Amino acid sequence: MIKALRINGGEMGTPLRVLIVEDSIEDAALILDRLKASGYDPFSRRIDTERAMNIALDQESWDVVISDFILPGFSGLAALKLIQARELDLPFIIVSGKIGEETAVEIMRAGANDYMMKDNLTRLSPAVERELREAVIRRNHKQAEKMIKYIAYNDLLTSLPNRVLLHDLVKKVLLDRAAEGKPIALLLLDLDHFKEINDTLGHPYGDVILQQVGHRLSEAVGEEDSVARLGGDEFAVLLAKVTSKEDSLLVANKILKALEVPFIIEEIPIAVEASIGISVYPDHGADFDSLLQRADVAMYVAKKTGSGCALYSPELNTHSERRLALMGELRQAIDHDELVLYYQPKIDLRTGRIIGAEALVRWEHPRHGRIAPDQFIGPAEQTGLIKPLTQWVLNQALRQGRMWGEIGFRIPMAVNLSARNLLEHRLPEAIEQLLQQYGTAPEWLQLEITESAILAEPARVLENATALDRIGTGLSIDDFGTGYSSLAYLKKLPVDEIKIDKSFIIGMKENRDDEVIVRSTIDLAHNLGLKIVAEGVETKETWDQLVALGCDAAQGYYMARPLAPDLFIDWLKRSPWGFKKDEAG
């Protein structure tokens, strides 16, 4: 249900990979000349036998096949059947010196996309032009989808699997080992005092050390084991084949031994130490989340005691009691309005003016002070408290929006939804009732969902998203690039915008790969008719870079941190990014 599709094919210099099935060198050259005259920069190969075509298809990826109808010992229809047998999604265009109407009908029925006459190659027909443009778009989408899939499953700094891929690997190994009744182990490793390395040498050198740590970990484990980087200075190791808990302790000590040798950075020896927590299936958990949580408990103990590594045991898990107590207090916090909403503005990169605000929940605990969102939102999703929490946030955000509107500041409001929210049958109905209660037009509410939420239960998500679209609310994919939504499924969602995760934006200036990812995501979104928002904009250099890349909007500390409601209004009145009262509405 993408609302628009912008086609960029055929602009001057557009790359096009063309496989030409033609026995005449002159006719092949004429086809290439026609493509160049139409604005394409073709990379081509000419073949004239079935064997040569099979080799070409094995060796290269092609955007389009242009084939003569009759060749010595080969034919266009035979070439078409070869493409179909391989189930390749390639436009197939026949070129012929003479072709009658009946033959043309036969060709099209066989599956060809179009045909051209050799004596009329002075111009491409509109139908052929369309096929070529769509071939370029299809190729660009495939490349973008391949890149998005890679960054969704791999850590870009170390090229190791990330948390998402580790989850899938653990799930697969658990299925295999459970059937055999054998254990597996999950090791969680955190570098000690790594912040000091970054502060002393700088983040570029810290990144080099992280890369080298990943390399040493990979060398220290077996071929069937997996090393992943979960983020920051945190790594995980999946031991797919262990016979006992003692085996996992031996591997952990082997890893610690491998890290004892100093890392050399510009001839400076750098000592790196680590703490490792270990959990073992089935004794410590039956799935990825429980094994990771208990490895984290053990790692915390290893770090606290300085023991290097620790094996989980129930006696270590004081976190469970703390978590349960926190969730009980969260229920009270919701009921007694201990929570507060802060608002971060969204700025149009072309006009430099505010176009919306994102509502962000904070917990002001009466004893513990401010509790970070990542300490209570995740547990709230797991315990079911996310439903009343989201209801509270929606109420407060819409109430605040109405209050601002009454004093002349009408601001579109964005609210985050979790995977659990999206699976609720009555979600669209509940949101429609809230909009009516506060007199808010649906288009003034933007609902943000993460890619991982889409994958939880795609059919239900699509059903609710479609219902919300009928109501008129906007829908945004948040943290884009940190999870993987298939492009085919993304096209079905009534999405208005994509928000690029801040992890790519922050490193864009120094990291060429991050810039390529951001540029590709912007191009992908625009080709799908979507707006693109960059999160984590902290400097003018990043702002300028995003403007040059054609990004639509941005959020970040460079413009404004999340602000309490009264401070937000002050910011609107005084900031060059805000608007004056008479500009509102």
Protein backbone atom coordinates (compact mmCIF):
# COMPACT_ATOMS: atom_id res chain seq x y z
CA MET A 1 0.00 0.00 0.00
CA ILE A 2 2.87 2.35 -0.76
CA LYS A 3 1.25 5.61 -1.71
CA ALA A 4 3.60 6.63 -4.55
CA LEU A 5 6.47 5.23 -6.60
CA ARG A 6 9.10 7.48 -8.09
CA ILE A 7 10.93 6.06 -11.09
CA ASN A 8 14.47 7.25 -11.69
CA GLY A 9 15.53 4.90 -14.49
CA GLY A 10 16.69 6.27 -17.80
CA GLU A 11 18.49 9.33 -16.44
CA MET A 12 21.78 10.05 -18.18
CA GLY A 13 24.39 7.50 -17.19
CA THR A 14 21.96 5.06 -15.52
CA PRO A 15 23.84 1.70 -15.24
CA LEU A 16 22.14 -1.21 -16.99
CA ARG A 17 23.45 -4.80 -17.15
CA VAL A 18 22.31 -6.23 -20.48
CA LEU A 19 22.68 -9.80 -21.73
CA ILE A 20 22.38 -9.72 -25.53
CA VAL A 21 21.47 -12.98 -27.30
CA GLU A 22 22.54 -12.11 -30.84
CA ASP A 23 24.78 -13.72 -33.50
CA SER A 24 25.38 -10.40 -35.30
CA ILE A 25 28.06 -8.15 -33.79
CA GLU A 26 26.69 -5.21 -35.80
CA ASP A 27 23.11 -5.70 -34.54
CA ALA A 28 24.35 -6.02 -30.95
CA ALA A 29 26.30 -2.77 -31.36
CA LEU A 30 23.16 -1.09 -32.73
CA ILE A 31 21.17 -2.17 -29.65
CA LEU A 32 23.87 -0.79 -27.35
CA ASP A 33 23.95 2.50 -29.25
CA ARG A 34 20.18 2.79 -28.86
CA LEU A 35 20.41 2.17 -25.11
CA LYS A 36 23.16 4.79 -24.72
CA ALA A 37 21.12 7.30 -26.71
CA SER A 38 18.22 6.67 -24.30
CA GLY A 39 20.33 7.62 -21.28
CA TYR A 40 21.68 4.24 -20.16
CA ASP A 41 25.28 3.20 -19.49
CA PRO A 42 25.08 -0.48 -20.45
CA PHE A 43 27.43 -3.20 -19.28
CA SER A 44 26.81 -6.01 -21.75
CA ARG A 45 27.79 -9.44 -22.93
CA ARG A 46 26.88 -10.87 -26.33
CA ILE A 47 26.23 -14.61 -26.57
CA ASP A 48 24.71 -16.76 -29.31
CA THR A 49 24.51 -20.33 -27.96
CA GLU A 50 22.69 -22.07 -25.10
CA ARG A 51 25.99 -23.05 -23.48
CA ALA A 52 27.29 -19.48 -23.59
CA MET A 53 24.03 -18.20 -22.11
CA ASN A 54 24.20 -20.66 -19.21
CA ILE A 55 27.76 -19.54 -18.48
CA ALA A 56 26.74 -15.85 -18.61
CA LEU A 57 23.86 -16.44 -16.21
CA ASP A 58 26.13 -18.36 -13.82
CA GLN A 59 28.83 -15.69 -13.81
CA GLU A 60 26.89 -12.43 -13.71
CA SER A 61 23.66 -10.81 -12.51
CA TRP A 62 21.69 -9.14 -15.30
CA ASP A 63 18.99 -6.48 -15.39
CA VAL A 64 17.48 -7.37 -18.77
CA VAL A 65 17.84 -9.89 -21.61
CA ILE A 66 17.52 -8.68 -25.22
CA SER A 67 17.40 -11.56 -27.67
CA ASP A 68 17.25 -12.08 -31.42
CA PHE A 69 14.30 -14.24 -32.42
CA ILE A 70 16.16 -16.67 -34.69
CA LEU A 71 19.84 -17.63 -34.34
CA PRO A 72 21.87 -20.45 -35.90
CA GLY A 73 21.35 -23.43 -33.57
CA PHE A 74 19.50 -21.33 -30.97
CA SER A 75 16.38 -19.13 -30.72
CA GLY A 76 14.79 -16.38 -28.68
CA LEU A 77 12.08 -18.72 -27.40
CA ALA A 78 14.72 -21.24 -26.28
CA ALA A 79 16.58 -18.46 -24.47
CA LEU A 80 13.29 -17.38 -22.82
CA LYS A 81 12.59 -20.94 -21.64
CA LEU A 82 16.10 -21.09 -20.16
CA ILE A 83 15.39 -17.92 -18.14
CA GLN A 84 12.05 -19.33 -17.00
CA ALA A 85 13.61 -22.66 -15.99
CA ARG A 86 15.98 -20.79 -13.69
CA GLU A 87 13.03 -18.77 -12.27
CA LEU A 88 14.86 -15.50 -12.89
CA ASP A 89 12.89 -12.28 -12.54
CA LEU A 90 14.34 -10.64 -15.67
CA PRO A 91 12.57 -8.61 -18.38
CA PHE A 92 12.94 -10.47 -21.69
CA ILE A 93 12.74 -8.46 -24.91
CA ILE A 94 12.77 -10.02 -28.39
CA VAL A 95 14.45 -8.25 -31.33
CA SER A 96 13.67 -9.45 -34.83
CA GLY A 97 14.26 -8.50 -38.42
CA LYS A 98 10.83 -9.73 -39.42
CA ILE A 99 8.04 -10.78 -37.14
CA GLY A 100 4.37 -11.23 -37.92
CA GLU A 101 1.41 -10.52 -35.69
CA GLU A 102 0.81 -14.20 -34.96
CA THR A 103 4.44 -14.72 -34.00
CA ALA A 104 4.36 -11.62 -31.79
CA VAL A 105 1.32 -13.00 -29.97
CA GLU A 106 3.10 -16.35 -29.55
CA ILE A 107 6.15 -14.61 -28.08
CA MET A 108 4.13 -12.61 -25.57
CA ARG A 109 2.10 -15.66 -24.54
CA ALA A 110 5.34 -17.54 -23.96
CA GLY A 111 6.32 -14.91 -21.39
CA ALA A 112 8.36 -12.26 -23.23
CA ASN A 113 7.84 -8.74 -21.94
CA ASP A 114 8.02 -6.99 -25.31
CA TYR A 115 9.56 -7.08 -28.78
CA MET A 116 11.37 -4.64 -31.10
CA MET A 117 11.93 -4.61 -34.86
CA LYS A 118 15.54 -4.37 -36.04
CA ASP A 119 14.60 -1.90 -38.73
CA ASN A 120 13.06 0.43 -36.13
CA LEU A 121 15.86 0.70 -33.56
CA THR A 122 16.23 4.43 -34.04
CA ARG A 123 14.08 4.80 -30.93
CA LEU A 124 12.80 2.63 -28.10
CA SER A 125 9.06 2.18 -27.79
CA PRO A 126 7.37 3.52 -24.63
CA ALA A 127 6.67 -0.07 -23.53
CA VAL A 128 10.33 -1.08 -23.87
CA GLU A 129 11.41 2.13 -22.09
CA ARG A 130 9.09 1.22 -19.23
CA GLU A 131 10.54 -2.30 -18.98
CA LEU A 132 14.07 -0.90 -18.83
CA ARG A 133 13.19 1.69 -16.19
CA GLU A 134 11.49 -0.95 -14.07
CA ALA A 135 14.49 -3.25 -14.51
CA VAL A 136 16.76 -0.56 -13.06
CA ILE A 137 14.38 0.05 -10.16
CA ARG A 138 14.12 -3.69 -9.50
CA ARG A 139 17.94 -3.96 -9.47
CA ASN A 140 18.27 -0.98 -7.11
CA HIS A 141 15.65 -2.42 -4.77
CA LYS A 142 17.42 -5.78 -4.72
CA GLN A 143 20.73 -4.11 -3.92
CA ALA A 144 19.15 -1.99 -1.19
CA GLU A 145 17.35 -5.01 0.24
CA LYS A 146 20.59 -7.02 0.22
CA MET A 147 22.40 -4.21 2.04
CA ILE A 148 19.58 -3.78 4.56
CA LYS A 149 19.54 -7.53 5.18
CA TYR A 150 23.29 -7.55 5.75
CA ILE A 151 23.27 -4.65 8.20
CA ALA A 152 20.28 -6.19 9.95
CA TYR A 153 22.15 -9.40 10.70
CA ASN A 154 25.76 -8.27 10.97
CA ASP A 155 27.80 -5.83 13.01
CA LEU A 156 29.33 -3.37 10.54
CA LEU A 157 32.46 -2.65 12.58
CA THR A 158 33.62 -6.24 13.08
CA SER A 159 31.57 -8.05 10.38
CA LEU A 160 30.51 -10.49 13.10
CA PRO A 161 26.90 -11.60 13.55
CA ASN A 162 24.82 -9.13 15.60
CA ARG A 163 22.18 -9.80 18.25
CA VAL A 164 19.46 -10.55 15.67
CA LEU A 165 21.52 -13.17 13.85
CA LEU A 166 22.79 -14.62 17.15
CA HIS A 167 19.17 -15.08 18.21
CA ASP A 168 18.47 -17.04 15.02
CA LEU A 169 21.65 -19.12 15.41
CA VAL A 170 20.80 -20.01 19.01
CA LYS A 171 17.26 -20.92 18.02
CA LYS A 172 18.50 -23.25 15.27
CA VAL A 173 21.14 -24.92 17.47
CA LEU A 174 18.61 -25.36 20.27
CA LEU A 175 16.29 -27.25 17.92
CA ASP A 176 19.12 -29.54 16.83
CA ARG A 177 20.59 -30.15 20.30
CA ALA A 178 17.23 -30.50 22.03
CA ALA A 179 16.38 -33.36 19.68
CA GLU A 180 19.68 -34.99 20.63
CA GLY A 181 19.27 -34.21 24.35
CA LYS A 182 22.64 -32.43 24.45
CA PRO A 183 23.67 -29.07 26.00
CA ILE A 184 24.84 -25.81 24.45
CA ALA A 185 26.48 -22.85 26.17
CA LEU A 186 26.14 -19.09 25.71
CA LEU A 187 29.02 -16.86 26.82
CA LEU A 188 28.54 -13.13 27.31
CA LEU A 189 31.77 -11.12 27.31
CA ASP A 190 32.24 -7.48 28.33
CA LEU A 191 35.55 -5.64 28.11
CA ASP A 192 36.70 -4.14 31.41
CA HIS A 193 37.42 -0.39 31.55
CA PHE A 194 37.04 -0.04 27.80
CA LYS A 195 35.72 3.48 28.25
CA GLU A 196 39.18 4.50 29.45
CA ILE A 197 40.68 3.29 26.15
CA ASN A 198 38.17 5.35 24.16
CA ASP A 199 38.70 8.41 26.36
CA THR A 200 42.49 8.15 26.19
CA LEU A 201 43.11 7.09 22.58
CA GLY A 202 39.85 8.14 20.93
CA HIS A 203 37.03 6.14 19.40
CA PRO A 204 38.83 5.32 16.11
CA TYR A 205 41.51 3.43 18.04
CA GLY A 206 38.86 1.88 20.25
CA ASP A 207 37.14 0.61 17.10
CA VAL A 208 40.39 -1.00 15.92
CA ILE A 209 40.70 -2.82 19.25
CA LEU A 210 37.10 -4.04 19.00
CA GLN A 211 37.85 -5.42 15.55
CA GLN A 212 40.94 -7.20 16.85
CA VAL A 213 39.04 -8.56 19.86
CA GLY A 214 36.45 -10.02 17.49
CA HIS A 215 39.23 -11.65 15.47
CA ARG A 216 40.85 -13.21 18.54
CA LEU A 217 37.55 -14.52 19.83
CA SER A 218 36.86 -16.18 16.47
CA GLU A 219 40.28 -17.84 16.56
CA ALA A 220 39.80 -19.05 20.13
CA VAL A 221 36.59 -21.03 19.50
CA GLY A 222 35.74 -24.02 17.33
CA GLU A 223 34.57 -23.95 13.72
CA GLU A 224 31.01 -24.85 14.70
CA ASP A 225 30.84 -22.11 17.34
CA SER A 226 29.72 -18.54 16.64
CA VAL A 227 31.03 -15.18 17.83
CA ALA A 228 28.74 -12.13 17.79
CA ARG A 229 29.06 -8.48 18.76
CA LEU A 230 25.98 -7.30 20.62
CA GLY A 231 26.98 -3.62 20.72
CA GLY A 232 29.53 -1.37 22.39
CA ASP A 233 32.22 -3.53 23.98
CA GLU A 234 29.91 -6.51 24.49
CA PHE A 235 30.41 -9.79 22.64
CA ALA A 236 28.72 -13.20 22.82
CA VAL A 237 29.94 -16.69 21.98
CA LEU A 238 27.62 -19.58 21.13
CA LEU A 239 29.22 -22.94 21.91
CA ALA A 240 27.18 -25.26 19.75
CA LYS A 241 28.72 -28.49 20.97
CA VAL A 242 29.69 -28.88 24.62
CA THR A 243 29.36 -31.99 26.73
CA SER A 244 29.29 -30.32 30.15
CA LYS A 245 29.40 -27.01 32.03
CA GLU A 246 33.09 -27.64 32.60
CA ASP A 247 33.66 -27.53 28.82
CA SER A 248 32.22 -24.01 28.68
CA LEU A 249 34.49 -22.90 31.53
CA LEU A 250 37.51 -24.26 29.66
CA VAL A 251 36.57 -22.25 26.54
CA ALA A 252 35.98 -19.10 28.63
CA ASN A 253 39.44 -19.40 30.17
CA LYS A 254 40.93 -20.03 26.73
CA ILE A 255 39.34 -16.76 25.56
CA LEU A 256 40.68 -14.86 28.57
CA LYS A 257 44.13 -16.32 27.83
CA ALA A 258 43.89 -15.17 24.19
CA LEU A 259 43.13 -11.64 25.35
CA GLU A 260 46.14 -11.50 27.68
CA VAL A 261 48.51 -10.69 24.81
CA PRO A 262 48.54 -6.86 24.49
CA PHE A 263 46.98 -5.30 21.41
CA ILE A 264 49.40 -3.16 19.42
CA ILE A 265 48.04 0.19 18.23
CA GLU A 266 50.65 2.34 16.41
CA GLU A 267 53.40 0.48 18.26
CA ILE A 268 51.69 1.12 21.63
CA PRO A 269 50.83 -2.08 23.58
CA ILE A 270 47.28 -1.90 24.95
CA ALA A 271 46.16 -4.33 27.66
CA VAL A 272 42.56 -5.47 27.40
CA GLU A 273 40.79 -7.49 30.06
CA ALA A 274 37.32 -9.00 29.97
CA SER A 275 34.63 -10.51 32.16
CA ILE A 276 32.67 -13.51 30.91
CA GLY A 277 29.31 -14.85 32.08
CA ILE A 278 28.20 -18.36 31.10
CA SER A 279 24.77 -19.99 30.88
CA VAL A 280 24.13 -23.54 29.73
CA TYR A 281 21.08 -25.12 28.10
CA PRO A 282 18.94 -26.76 29.43
CA ASP A 283 19.91 -26.12 33.07
CA HIS A 284 19.81 -22.30 32.88
CA GLY A 285 17.19 -21.65 30.22
CA ALA A 286 15.30 -23.09 27.27
CA ASP A 287 15.48 -20.14 24.86
CA PHE A 288 17.75 -17.32 23.72
CA ASP A 289 16.32 -14.62 25.99
CA SER A 290 16.58 -16.65 29.18
CA LEU A 291 20.10 -17.89 28.36
CA LEU A 292 21.28 -14.37 27.53
CA GLN A 293 19.70 -12.88 30.65
CA ARG A 294 21.37 -15.46 32.88
CA ALA A 295 24.72 -15.13 31.12
CA ASP A 296 24.39 -11.39 31.79
CA VAL A 297 23.79 -12.08 35.50
CA ALA A 298 26.89 -14.28 35.62
CA MET A 299 28.97 -11.72 33.70
CA TYR A 300 27.99 -9.01 36.17
CA VAL A 301 29.20 -11.25 39.03
CA ALA A 302 32.48 -11.98 37.20
CA LYS A 303 33.05 -8.26 36.70
CA LYS A 304 32.15 -7.41 40.29
CA THR A 305 34.39 -10.10 41.81
CA GLY A 306 37.22 -9.77 39.30
CA SER A 307 37.16 -13.53 38.71
CA GLY A 308 37.35 -13.28 34.91
CA CYS A 309 34.48 -15.68 34.30
CA ALA A 310 31.49 -17.03 36.19
CA LEU A 311 28.95 -19.76 35.56
CA TYR A 312 25.34 -18.88 36.25
CA SER A 313 23.55 -20.28 39.27
CA PRO A 314 20.15 -19.31 40.70
CA GLU A 315 21.85 -17.88 43.79
CA LEU A 316 23.42 -15.17 41.63
CA ASN A 317 20.12 -13.88 40.25
CA THR A 318 19.26 -10.99 42.53
CA HIS A 319 18.17 -9.15 39.36
CA SER A 320 14.93 -11.14 39.12
CA GLU A 321 13.69 -9.83 42.47
CA ARG A 322 14.68 -6.29 41.52
CA ARG A 323 12.92 -6.63 38.17
CA LEU A 324 9.73 -7.98 39.72
CA ALA A 325 9.70 -5.21 42.31
CA LEU A 326 10.27 -2.60 39.60
CA MET A 327 7.34 -3.90 37.55
CA GLY A 328 5.06 -3.76 40.60
CA GLU A 329 6.12 -0.16 41.15
CA LEU A 330 5.59 0.63 37.47
CA ARG A 331 1.94 -0.34 37.77
CA GLN A 332 1.65 2.13 40.67
CA ALA A 333 3.58 4.76 38.71
CA ILE A 334 1.06 4.51 35.86
CA ASP A 335 -1.88 4.72 38.25
CA HIS A 336 -0.41 7.62 40.28
CA ASP A 337 1.06 9.68 37.42
CA GLU A 338 4.71 9.28 38.43
CA LEU A 339 5.55 9.06 34.74
CA VAL A 340 6.19 12.16 32.64
CA LEU A 341 6.40 12.81 28.92
CA TYR A 342 9.22 14.72 27.30
CA TYR A 343 8.97 15.94 23.73
CA GLN A 344 11.69 16.04 21.07
CA PRO A 345 11.03 18.18 17.98
CA LYS A 346 11.23 16.87 14.44
CA ILE A 347 12.73 19.43 12.04
CA ASP A 348 12.25 19.77 8.28
CA LEU A 349 15.72 19.75 6.70
CA ARG A 350 14.62 22.01 3.84
CA THR A 351 12.88 24.75 5.81
CA GLY A 352 14.69 24.35 9.13
CA ARG A 353 11.33 24.55 10.96
CA ILE A 354 9.52 22.19 13.30
CA ILE A 355 7.08 19.74 11.70
CA GLY A 356 6.25 17.53 14.68
CA ALA A 357 7.26 16.20 18.09
CA GLU A 358 7.93 12.72 19.44
CA ALA A 359 6.57 11.88 22.90
CA LEU A 360 9.15 10.08 25.08
CA VAL A 361 8.21 8.59 28.45
CA ARG A 362 10.32 9.12 31.58
CA TRP A 363 9.90 7.67 35.08
CA GLU A 364 10.56 9.95 38.04
CA HIS A 365 10.76 7.36 40.84
CA PRO A 366 10.16 8.80 44.33
CA ARG A 367 13.13 6.86 45.80
CA HIS A 368 15.40 5.87 42.92
CA GLY A 369 15.13 9.13 40.97
CA ARG A 370 14.90 9.05 37.20
CA ILE A 371 14.82 5.52 35.77
CA ALA A 372 16.00 5.17 32.17
CA PRO A 373 13.38 3.96 29.65
CA ASP A 374 15.44 0.89 28.70
CA GLN A 375 15.18 -0.32 32.31
CA PHE A 376 11.38 -0.49 32.34
CA ILE A 377 10.00 -0.52 28.78
CA GLY A 378 11.52 -3.91 27.86
CA PRO A 379 10.31 -5.61 31.07
CA ALA A 380 6.92 -3.92 30.61
CA GLU A 381 6.60 -5.60 27.19
CA GLN A 382 7.44 -8.99 28.70
CA THR A 383 5.01 -8.70 31.62
CA GLY A 384 2.04 -7.20 29.76
CA LEU A 385 2.32 -3.79 31.43
CA ILE A 386 3.11 -2.31 28.04
CA LYS A 387 -0.63 -2.04 27.27
CA PRO A 388 -1.54 0.31 30.17
CA LEU A 389 1.80 2.10 29.72
CA THR A 390 1.08 2.83 26.05
CA GLN A 391 -2.49 3.84 26.91
CA TRP A 392 -1.10 6.33 29.44
CA VAL A 393 1.39 7.74 26.91
CA LEU A 394 -1.29 8.15 24.23
CA ASN A 395 -3.62 9.88 26.69
CA GLN A 396 -0.95 12.29 27.89
CA ALA A 397 0.41 13.04 24.41
CA LEU A 398 -3.01 13.77 22.93
CA ARG A 399 -4.03 15.83 25.97
CA GLN A 400 -0.82 17.84 25.70
CA GLY A 401 -1.32 18.31 21.98
CA ARG A 402 -4.82 19.68 22.60
CA MET A 403 -3.51 22.06 25.30
CA TRP A 404 -0.82 23.37 22.95
CA GLY A 405 -3.41 23.80 20.20
CA GLU A 406 -5.61 25.87 22.53
CA ILE A 407 -2.79 28.41 22.96
CA GLY A 408 -2.02 28.53 19.24
CA PHE A 409 0.59 25.83 18.77
CA ARG A 410 -0.72 22.94 16.70
CA ILE A 411 1.96 20.25 16.51
CA PRO A 412 1.71 16.74 14.99
CA MET A 413 2.47 14.18 17.70
CA ALA A 414 4.41 10.91 17.35
CA VAL A 415 3.96 8.03 19.81
CA ASN A 416 5.83 4.72 19.87
CA LEU A 417 3.98 1.40 19.77
CA SER A 418 5.47 -1.94 20.83
CA ALA A 419 5.10 -5.33 19.19
CA ARG A 420 2.50 -6.28 21.82
CA ASN A 421 0.45 -3.17 21.07
CA LEU A 422 0.35 -4.04 17.37
CA LEU A 423 -1.04 -7.51 18.10
CA GLU A 424 -4.04 -6.22 20.08
CA HIS A 425 -7.31 -6.83 18.23
CA ARG A 426 -8.90 -3.62 19.53
CA LEU A 427 -5.91 -1.32 18.94
CA PRO A 428 -7.45 0.67 16.03
CA GLU A 429 -10.75 1.05 17.87
CA ALA A 430 -8.99 2.24 21.06
CA ILE A 431 -6.95 4.83 19.17
CA GLU A 432 -10.01 6.09 17.28
CA GLN A 433 -11.82 6.59 20.61
CA LEU A 434 -8.87 8.56 22.03
CA LEU A 435 -8.75 10.78 18.95
CA GLN A 436 -12.46 11.54 19.37
CA GLN A 437 -12.05 12.11 23.11
CA TYR A 438 -9.40 14.79 22.61
CA GLY A 439 -10.81 16.23 19.39
CA THR A 440 -7.60 15.41 17.52
CA ALA A 441 -7.66 15.00 13.75
CA PRO A 442 -6.16 11.56 12.89
CA GLU A 443 -3.49 13.05 10.63
CA TRP A 444 -2.01 14.85 13.66
CA LEU A 445 -1.04 11.52 15.24
CA GLN A 446 1.96 9.55 13.95
CA LEU A 447 2.44 6.00 15.30
CA GLU A 448 5.99 4.66 15.30
CA ILE A 449 6.75 0.94 15.19
CA THR A 450 10.06 -0.94 15.01
CA GLU A 451 11.06 -3.45 12.35
CA SER A 452 11.20 -6.24 14.94
CA ALA A 453 7.57 -5.48 15.83
CA ILE A 454 6.59 -6.02 12.17
CA LEU A 455 8.16 -9.48 12.18
CA ALA A 456 6.41 -10.62 15.38
CA GLU A 457 3.17 -11.54 13.61
CA PRO A 458 3.07 -9.99 10.12
CA ALA A 459 -0.55 -10.81 9.26
CA ARG A 460 -1.93 -9.23 12.45
CA VAL A 461 0.37 -6.22 12.11
CA LEU A 462 -0.79 -5.68 8.53
CA GLU A 463 -4.43 -5.96 9.59
CA ASN A 464 -4.07 -3.37 12.37
CA ALA A 465 -1.85 -1.08 10.30
CA THR A 466 -4.39 -1.10 7.48
CA ALA A 467 -7.20 -0.30 9.93
CA LEU A 468 -5.17 2.59 11.39
CA ASP A 469 -4.52 3.88 7.87
CA ARG A 470 -8.26 3.90 7.20
CA ILE A 471 -8.72 5.97 10.35
CA GLY A 472 -6.17 8.42 8.96
CA THR A 473 -3.24 8.19 11.38
CA GLY A 474 0.31 8.19 10.06
CA LEU A 475 2.60 5.16 10.40
CA SER A 476 6.38 5.29 10.72
CA ILE A 477 9.03 2.55 10.80
CA ASP A 478 11.35 3.45 13.70
CA ASP A 479 15.03 2.43 14.13
CA PHE A 480 15.17 1.36 10.47
CA GLY A 481 18.24 -0.76 9.71
CA THR A 482 18.52 -2.47 13.12
CA GLY A 483 16.12 -5.24 12.22
CA TYR A 484 15.07 -6.75 8.92
CA SER A 485 11.74 -6.24 7.23
CA SER A 486 11.53 -7.81 3.79
CA LEU A 487 11.04 -5.18 1.14
CA ALA A 488 8.11 -7.14 -0.28
CA TYR A 489 6.30 -6.98 3.06
CA LEU A 490 7.26 -3.36 3.69
CA LYS A 491 5.51 -2.46 0.43
CA LYS A 492 2.23 -3.83 1.78
CA LEU A 493 2.20 -1.63 4.86
CA PRO A 494 0.54 1.80 4.69
CA VAL A 495 3.78 3.44 5.78
CA ASP A 496 4.34 7.22 5.59
CA GLU A 497 7.95 7.49 6.70
CA ILE A 498 11.10 5.64 7.68
CA LYS A 499 13.34 6.75 10.56
CA ILE A 500 17.01 5.85 10.18
CA ASP A 501 18.49 4.58 13.43
CA LYS A 502 20.86 7.00 15.13
CA SER A 503 23.67 4.42 15.22
CA PHE A 504 24.18 5.02 11.48
CA ILE A 505 23.74 8.80 11.66
CA ILE A 506 26.21 9.40 14.50
CA GLY A 507 29.05 7.56 12.74
CA MET A 508 28.27 8.83 9.26
CA LYS A 509 30.99 11.49 9.07
CA GLU A 510 33.87 9.21 10.09
CA ASN A 511 32.56 5.92 8.72
CA ARG A 512 32.17 5.62 4.95
CA ASP A 513 30.04 2.47 5.30
CA ASP A 514 27.52 4.33 7.49
CA GLU A 515 27.25 7.10 4.91
CA VAL A 516 26.61 4.55 2.14
CA ILE A 517 23.91 2.91 4.25
CA VAL A 518 22.23 6.25 4.98
CA ARG A 519 22.35 7.30 1.32
CA SER A 520 20.94 3.95 0.16
CA THR A 521 18.16 4.08 2.74
CA ILE A 522 17.20 7.61 1.67
CA ASP A 523 17.11 6.58 -1.99
CA LEU A 524 15.11 3.46 -1.15
CA ALA A 525 12.55 5.42 0.87
CA HIS A 526 12.14 8.06 -1.81
CA ASN A 527 11.72 5.43 -4.52
CA LEU A 528 8.92 3.96 -2.42
CA GLY A 529 7.27 7.34 -1.98
CA LEU A 530 8.19 7.58 1.71
CA LYS A 531 9.59 10.42 3.78
CA ILE A 532 12.86 9.78 5.59
CA VAL A 533 13.77 11.04 9.09
CA ALA A 534 17.27 10.87 10.57
CA GLU A 535 17.64 10.35 14.33
CA GLY A 536 20.68 11.29 16.40
CA VAL A 537 21.71 14.49 14.60
CA GLU A 538 24.22 16.02 17.00
CA THR A 539 26.33 18.39 14.87
CA LYS A 540 25.96 20.95 12.09
CA GLU A 541 28.25 18.81 9.94
CA THR A 542 25.79 15.91 10.18
CA TRP A 543 22.89 18.27 9.43
CA ASP A 544 24.63 19.59 6.31
CA GLN A 545 25.53 16.07 5.20
CA LEU A 546 21.91 14.95 5.48
CA VAL A 547 20.72 17.99 3.53
CA ALA A 548 23.17 17.10 0.75
CA LEU A 549 21.90 13.50 0.73
CA GLY A 550 18.29 14.67 0.32
CA CYS A 551 17.00 13.53 3.72
CA ASP A 552 13.60 15.03 4.61
CA ALA A 553 13.68 15.61 8.37
CA ALA A 554 15.82 15.14 11.47
CA GLN A 555 15.78 14.77 15.24
CA GLY A 556 18.71 15.20 17.59
CA TYR A 557 20.61 17.21 20.18
CA TYR A 558 21.89 19.66 17.56
CA MET A 559 18.36 21.09 17.35
CA ALA A 560 16.96 20.14 20.77
CA ARG A 561 17.10 17.49 23.45
CA PRO A 562 13.81 15.98 24.67
CA LEU A 563 12.09 18.73 26.67
CA ALA A 564 9.46 18.92 29.40
CA PRO A 565 6.17 20.48 28.16
CA ASP A 566 6.76 24.00 29.53
CA LEU A 567 10.36 24.07 28.28
CA PHE A 568 9.16 22.81 24.91
CA ILE A 569 6.87 25.83 24.53
CA ASP A 570 9.72 28.17 25.49
CA TRP A 571 11.86 26.46 22.87
CA LEU A 572 9.11 26.90 20.25
CA LYS A 573 8.93 30.63 20.92
CA ARG A 574 12.67 31.35 21.10
CA SER A 575 14.45 28.77 18.98
CA PRO A 576 15.20 29.41 15.30
CA TRP A 577 13.92 25.88 14.70
CA GLY A 578 10.52 26.56 16.27
CA PHE A 579 7.74 28.87 15.16
CA LYS A 580 6.09 31.97 16.45
CA LYS A 581 2.56 31.79 17.72
CA ASP A 582 1.06 33.31 14.59
CA GLU A 583 2.79 30.61 12.48
CA ALA A 584 1.08 27.78 14.37
CA GLY A 585 -1.90 25.80 13.12
